[in-house]
Amino acid sequence: MSGQGSGGNVLAAICSFFIPGLGQLVQGRIMKALMFFIVTAVCYALTATVILFFMWIVAAIFHLWAIIDAATYKGGD
């Protein structure tokens, strides 16, 4: 991937918009991809239980973080 704002980073950010962590996976950062996907999926699942409804805030923060991380990746991470 080239620097920030490259077409690859834009594609990765779009991927992370739909599935958190997919953008990091496209960039080859497997551990970060797993972290974003698992944390976000667990928080969304806990939100679905209605008992821990406030977890949507944490899920939304991690989802947004995944998108921003994919978009601003500079390489060598």
C-alpha atoms as a PDB file:
ATOM      1  CA  MET A   1       0.000   0.000   0.000  1.00  0.00           C
ATOM      2  CA  SER A   2       1.075   3.529  -0.595  1.00  0.00           C
ATOM      3  CA  GLY A   3       0.681   6.309   1.914  1.00  0.00           C
ATOM      4  CA  GLN A   4      -2.362   7.688   3.640  1.00  0.00           C
ATOM      5  CA  GLY A   5      -5.199   8.543   1.270  1.00  0.00           C
ATOM      6  CA  SER A   6      -4.150   5.986  -1.315  1.00  0.00           C
ATOM      7  CA  GLY A   7      -6.736   3.963  -3.183  1.00  0.00           C
ATOM      8  CA  GLY A   8      -5.822   0.908  -1.118  1.00  0.00           C
ATOM      9  CA  ASN A   9      -6.570   2.708   2.118  1.00  0.00           C
ATOM     10  CA  VAL A  10      -9.886   3.973   0.791  1.00  0.00           C
ATOM     11  CA  LEU A  11     -10.842   0.442  -0.229  1.00  0.00           C
ATOM     12  CA  ALA A  12      -9.768  -0.861   3.190  1.00  0.00           C
ATOM     13  CA  ALA A  13     -11.858   1.802   4.954  1.00  0.00           C
ATOM     14  CA  ILE A  14     -14.893   0.854   2.862  1.00  0.00           C
ATOM     15  CA  CYS A  15     -14.350  -2.808   3.743  1.00  0.00           C
ATOM     16  CA  SER A  16     -14.157  -1.935   7.445  1.00  0.00           C
ATOM     17  CA  PHE A  17     -17.364   0.062   7.134  1.00  0.00           C
ATOM     18  CA  PHE A  18     -19.259  -3.107   6.246  1.00  0.00           C
ATOM     19  CA  ILE A  19     -17.346  -5.597   8.420  1.00  0.00           C
ATOM     20  CA  PRO A  20     -15.107  -4.264  11.204  1.00  0.00           C
ATOM     21  CA  GLY A  21     -11.561  -5.573  10.754  1.00  0.00           C
ATOM     22  CA  LEU A  22     -11.957  -6.526   7.097  1.00  0.00           C
ATOM     23  CA  GLY A  23      -9.974  -3.457   6.029  1.00  0.00           C
ATOM     24  CA  GLN A  24      -7.089  -4.449   8.276  1.00  0.00           C
ATOM     25  CA  LEU A  25      -7.262  -7.967   6.845  1.00  0.00           C
ATOM     26  CA  VAL A  26      -7.055  -6.539   3.308  1.00  0.00           C
ATOM     27  CA  GLN A  27      -3.963  -4.612   4.410  1.00  0.00           C
ATOM     28  CA  GLY A  28      -2.401  -7.794   5.806  1.00  0.00           C
ATOM     29  CA  ARG A  29      -2.696  -6.895   9.503  1.00  0.00           C
ATOM     30  CA  ILE A  30      -4.252 -10.105  10.781  1.00  0.00           C
ATOM     31  CA  MET A  31      -3.996  -9.537  14.553  1.00  0.00           C
ATOM     32  CA  LYS A  32      -5.561  -6.084  14.367  1.00  0.00           C
ATOM     33  CA  ALA A  33      -8.279  -7.439  12.078  1.00  0.00           C
ATOM     34  CA  LEU A  34      -9.126 -10.168  14.585  1.00  0.00           C
ATOM     35  CA  MET A  35      -9.131  -7.707  17.480  1.00  0.00           C
ATOM     36  CA  PHE A  36     -11.480  -5.255  15.760  1.00  0.00           C
ATOM     37  CA  PHE A  37     -13.805  -7.988  14.519  1.00  0.00           C
ATOM     38  CA  ILE A  38     -14.048  -9.921  17.786  1.00  0.00           C
ATOM     39  CA  VAL A  39     -14.478  -6.902  20.081  1.00  0.00           C
ATOM     40  CA  THR A  40     -17.048  -5.261  17.821  1.00  0.00           C
ATOM     41  CA  ALA A  41     -18.985  -8.479  17.211  1.00  0.00           C
ATOM     42  CA  VAL A  42     -19.105  -9.321  20.925  1.00  0.00           C
ATOM     43  CA  CYS A  43     -20.285  -5.813  21.822  1.00  0.00           C
ATOM     44  CA  TYR A  44     -22.997  -5.887  19.143  1.00  0.00           C
ATOM     45  CA  ALA A  45     -24.056  -9.347  20.362  1.00  0.00           C
ATOM     46  CA  LEU A  46     -24.278  -8.118  23.948  1.00  0.00           C
ATOM     47  CA  THR A  47     -26.389  -5.211  22.726  1.00  0.00           C
ATOM     48  CA  ALA A  48     -28.778  -7.706  21.131  1.00  0.00           C
ATOM     49  CA  THR A  49     -29.389  -9.313  24.527  1.00  0.00           C
ATOM     50  CA  VAL A  50     -31.078  -6.061  25.635  1.00  0.00           C
ATOM     51  CA  ILE A  51     -29.663  -6.642  29.137  1.00  0.00           C
ATOM     52  CA  LEU A  52     -26.467  -4.823  28.183  1.00  0.00           C
ATOM     53  CA  PHE A  53     -28.037  -2.394  25.715  1.00  0.00           C
ATOM     54  CA  PHE A  54     -25.445   0.313  26.457  1.00  0.00           C
ATOM     55  CA  MET A  55     -22.749  -1.834  24.774  1.00  0.00           C
ATOM     56  CA  TRP A  56     -23.771  -0.412  21.394  1.00  0.00           C
ATOM     57  CA  ILE A  57     -21.750   2.681  22.330  1.00  0.00           C
ATOM     58  CA  VAL A  58     -18.574   0.608  22.782  1.00  0.00           C
ATOM     59  CA  ALA A  59     -19.328  -1.334  19.589  1.00  0.00           C
ATOM     60  CA  ALA A  60     -19.853   1.877  17.621  1.00  0.00           C
ATOM     61  CA  ILE A  61     -16.591   3.344  18.929  1.00  0.00           C
ATOM     62  CA  PHE A  62     -14.609   0.225  17.930  1.00  0.00           C
ATOM     63  CA  HIS A  63     -16.351   0.092  14.547  1.00  0.00           C
ATOM     64  CA  LEU A  64     -15.475   3.729  13.851  1.00  0.00           C
ATOM     65  CA  TRP A  65     -11.929   3.136  15.115  1.00  0.00           C
ATOM     66  CA  ALA A  66     -11.553   0.225  12.668  1.00  0.00           C
ATOM     67  CA  ILE A  67     -12.640   2.436   9.757  1.00  0.00           C
ATOM     68  CA  ILE A  68     -10.317   5.291  10.721  1.00  0.00           C
ATOM     69  CA  ASP A  69      -7.405   2.904  11.373  1.00  0.00           C
ATOM     70  CA  ALA A  70      -7.798   1.343   7.928  1.00  0.00           C
ATOM     71  CA  ALA A  71      -8.032   4.744   6.245  1.00  0.00           C
ATOM     72  CA  THR A  72      -4.959   6.219   7.935  1.00  0.00           C
ATOM     73  CA  TYR A  73      -2.619   3.189   7.757  1.00  0.00           C
ATOM     74  CA  LYS A  74       0.840   4.225   6.544  1.00  0.00           C
ATOM     75  CA  GLY A  75       2.568   0.851   6.376  1.00  0.00           C
ATOM     76  CA  GLY A  76       5.343  -0.676   8.412  1.00  0.00           C
ATOM     77  CA  ASP A  77       2.974  -1.252  11.337  1.00  0.00           C
END
